[in-house]
Protein backbone atom coordinates (compact mmCIF):
# COMPACT_ATOMS: atom_id res chain seq x y z
CA MET A 1 10.38 -11.66 27.35
CA PRO A 2 11.87 -15.37 25.78
CA GLU A 3 11.72 -15.66 22.57
CA LEU A 4 8.83 -18.20 20.91
CA PRO A 5 9.73 -21.44 18.56
CA LEU A 6 8.49 -20.87 15.35
CA TYR A 7 6.36 -24.05 15.26
CA LEU A 8 4.89 -23.34 18.13
CA ILE A 9 4.10 -19.58 17.27
CA GLY A 10 2.37 -21.34 13.85
CA TRP A 11 0.19 -24.34 15.50
CA ILE A 12 -0.87 -21.64 18.57
CA PHE A 13 -2.16 -19.44 16.00
CA LEU A 14 -3.28 -22.02 13.08
CA THR A 15 -5.49 -23.43 15.87
CA LEU A 16 -6.52 -20.16 17.76
CA SER A 17 -7.63 -18.73 13.86
CA ILE A 18 -9.53 -21.90 13.30
CA ILE A 19 -11.48 -22.35 16.55
CA ALA A 20 -12.04 -18.40 16.23
CA ILE A 21 -13.40 -18.93 12.31
CA LEU A 22 -15.64 -22.08 13.40
CA ALA A 23 -17.22 -20.26 16.33
CA GLY A 24 -17.74 -17.16 14.35
CA SER A 25 -19.30 -18.69 11.55
CA TRP A 26 -21.77 -20.64 14.14
CA VAL A 27 -22.72 -17.97 15.67
CA ILE A 28 -23.79 -15.90 12.85
CA ILE A 29 -25.45 -18.81 11.37
CA ALA A 30 -27.27 -19.40 14.96
CA LEU A 31 -28.29 -15.43 14.61
CA HIS A 32 -29.42 -15.84 10.91
CA ARG A 33 -32.05 -18.21 12.13
CA SER A 34 -33.49 -16.52 15.13
CA SER A 35 -35.91 -13.80 15.42
CA ALA A 36 -36.17 -10.32 13.90
CA LEU A 37 -34.21 -8.89 16.41
CA GLU A 38 -31.25 -11.15 16.31
CA LYS A 39 -31.32 -10.94 12.44
CA ARG A 40 -31.32 -6.95 13.04
CA ILE A 41 -28.37 -7.29 14.96
CA LEU A 42 -26.87 -9.46 12.81
CA SER A 43 -27.50 -7.06 9.70
CA ALA A 44 -26.01 -3.84 11.91
CA THR A 45 -22.66 -6.00 12.39
CA VAL A 46 -22.27 -6.80 8.60
CA PHE A 47 -19.03 -5.01 8.45
CA SER A 48 -17.64 -5.38 11.88
CA ASP A 49 -18.21 -9.30 11.47
CA MET A 50 -16.27 -9.42 7.81
CA LEU A 51 -13.38 -7.37 8.84
CA MET A 52 -12.85 -9.87 12.07
CA PHE A 53 -13.61 -12.58 9.36
CA GLY A 54 -10.81 -10.95 7.44
CA ILE A 55 -8.31 -10.56 11.04
CA TRP A 56 -8.88 -13.98 11.45
CA ILE A 57 -8.39 -14.87 7.71
CA LEU A 58 -4.99 -12.91 7.91
CA GLY A 59 -3.64 -14.99 11.15
CA LEU A 60 -4.93 -18.37 9.55
CA VAL A 61 -2.49 -17.29 6.50
CA GLY A 62 0.29 -15.80 8.41
CA SER A 63 0.36 -19.03 10.67
CA ILE A 64 0.26 -21.48 7.71
CA GLY A 65 3.39 -19.69 6.02
CA LEU A 66 4.93 -19.57 9.35
CA LEU A 67 4.89 -23.27 9.70
CA LEU A 68 5.18 -23.60 5.61
CA GLY A 69 8.79 -21.60 6.55
CA LYS A 70 7.53 -18.86 4.25
CA ALA A 71 9.08 -15.40 4.79
CA TRP A 72 6.30 -13.67 3.98
CA ALA A 73 4.61 -15.28 6.99
CA VAL A 74 6.63 -12.93 9.08
CA LEU A 75 3.99 -9.64 7.67
CA PRO A 76 0.70 -10.71 8.34
CA LEU A 77 1.49 -12.49 11.62
CA GLN A 78 2.62 -9.18 12.86
CA PHE A 79 -0.29 -7.26 11.62
CA PHE A 80 -2.47 -9.89 13.46
CA CYS A 81 -1.02 -9.46 16.13
CA VAL A 82 -0.66 -5.82 16.18
CA VAL A 83 -4.59 -5.43 15.76
CA LEU A 84 -5.24 -8.43 18.03
CA ILE A 85 -4.31 -6.67 21.14
CA PRO A 86 -6.32 -3.32 20.65
CA LEU A 87 -9.09 -5.32 20.17
CA THR A 88 -8.93 -7.97 22.47
CA LEU A 89 -8.73 -4.98 24.99
CA ILE A 90 -11.24 -3.21 23.73
CA SER A 91 -14.08 -6.32 23.48
CA ALA A 92 -12.89 -6.73 27.62
CA ALA A 93 -13.77 -3.23 28.51
CA ASN A 94 -16.89 -2.90 26.61
CA ARG A 95 -17.65 -6.50 28.48
CA LEU A 96 -17.27 -4.57 31.85
CA VAL A 97 -19.30 -1.37 30.65
CA ALA A 98 -22.30 -3.81 29.19
CA PHE A 99 -21.85 -5.69 32.79
CA LYS A 100 -22.00 -2.44 34.75
CA ARG A 101 -24.91 -1.12 32.92
CA GLU A 102 -26.95 -4.53 32.99
CA SER A 103 -26.49 -5.05 36.62
CA ALA A 104 -28.89 -4.23 38.70
CA ALA A 105 -27.03 -5.65 41.93
CA PRO A 106 -24.21 -4.34 43.17
CA VAL A 107 -21.59 -5.05 40.49
CA ASN A 108 -18.15 -7.30 41.74
CA TRP A 109 -15.65 -5.42 40.34
CA PHE A 110 -13.01 -8.04 41.46
CA ASN A 111 -14.36 -10.92 39.85
CA ALA A 112 -15.33 -8.84 36.70
CA ILE A 113 -12.36 -7.56 36.16
CA SER A 114 -10.24 -10.97 37.15
CA GLY A 115 -12.56 -12.85 34.71
CA ALA A 116 -12.00 -10.41 31.85
CA ALA A 117 -7.83 -10.73 32.39
CA VAL A 118 -7.57 -14.83 32.25
CA VAL A 119 -8.88 -14.08 28.60
CA VAL A 120 -6.90 -10.58 28.19
CA LEU A 121 -3.51 -11.15 29.45
CA PRO A 122 -2.32 -14.62 27.81
CA VAL A 123 -3.47 -12.94 24.64
CA VAL A 124 -1.69 -9.82 25.09
CA LEU A 125 1.66 -11.85 26.40
CA ILE A 126 1.79 -14.07 23.24
CA CYS A 127 0.72 -11.81 20.81
CA ALA A 128 4.02 -9.46 22.18
CA ALA A 129 5.89 -12.83 22.38
CA THR A 130 4.97 -13.58 18.58
CA ILE A 131 5.78 -9.71 17.21
CA MET A 132 9.09 -9.96 19.07
CA THR A 133 10.05 -13.68 18.16
CA LEU A 134 8.75 -12.22 14.46
CA ARG A 135 11.16 -9.07 14.97
CA ASN A 136 14.21 -10.90 15.30
CA PRO A 137 16.80 -10.63 12.53
CA ALA A 138 17.85 -14.37 13.60
CA THR A 139 14.14 -15.53 12.91
CA LEU A 140 14.20 -13.31 9.26
CA ARG A 141 17.21 -15.27 8.46
CA ALA A 142 15.94 -18.82 9.31
CA LEU A 143 13.21 -17.83 6.92
CA GLY A 144 15.36 -16.74 4.48
CA SER A 145 14.87 -13.16 4.18
């Protein structure tokens, strides 16, 4: 797998982190303003929501540090990628199970799995390439550690 330029890694994860944090905030605000059922769901998922915000903030901090050329940025960005890969896989699997459970008609598995793969594959590939790039000794020397 080819290595990615550090500036590209920084900008990709900066953009994705900002989008995820803003979208998550928007969803939480919308659920908070909704009916009692949505508020109960929101209160039941407070811990996982806070954990997800923390992970995305870690990605944001790591990407900013990488764009600034700081050696400390390698560790939070690697951790972010290592956590994001299984979270993406688990989320896709949960959606497929929910799709099967909620569907009254026969499930078109080709479309369901293809739709999940469109999201999962790029995330896994970009995260894997990022981890390989950040673990390269040349990258560490370039960042001054």
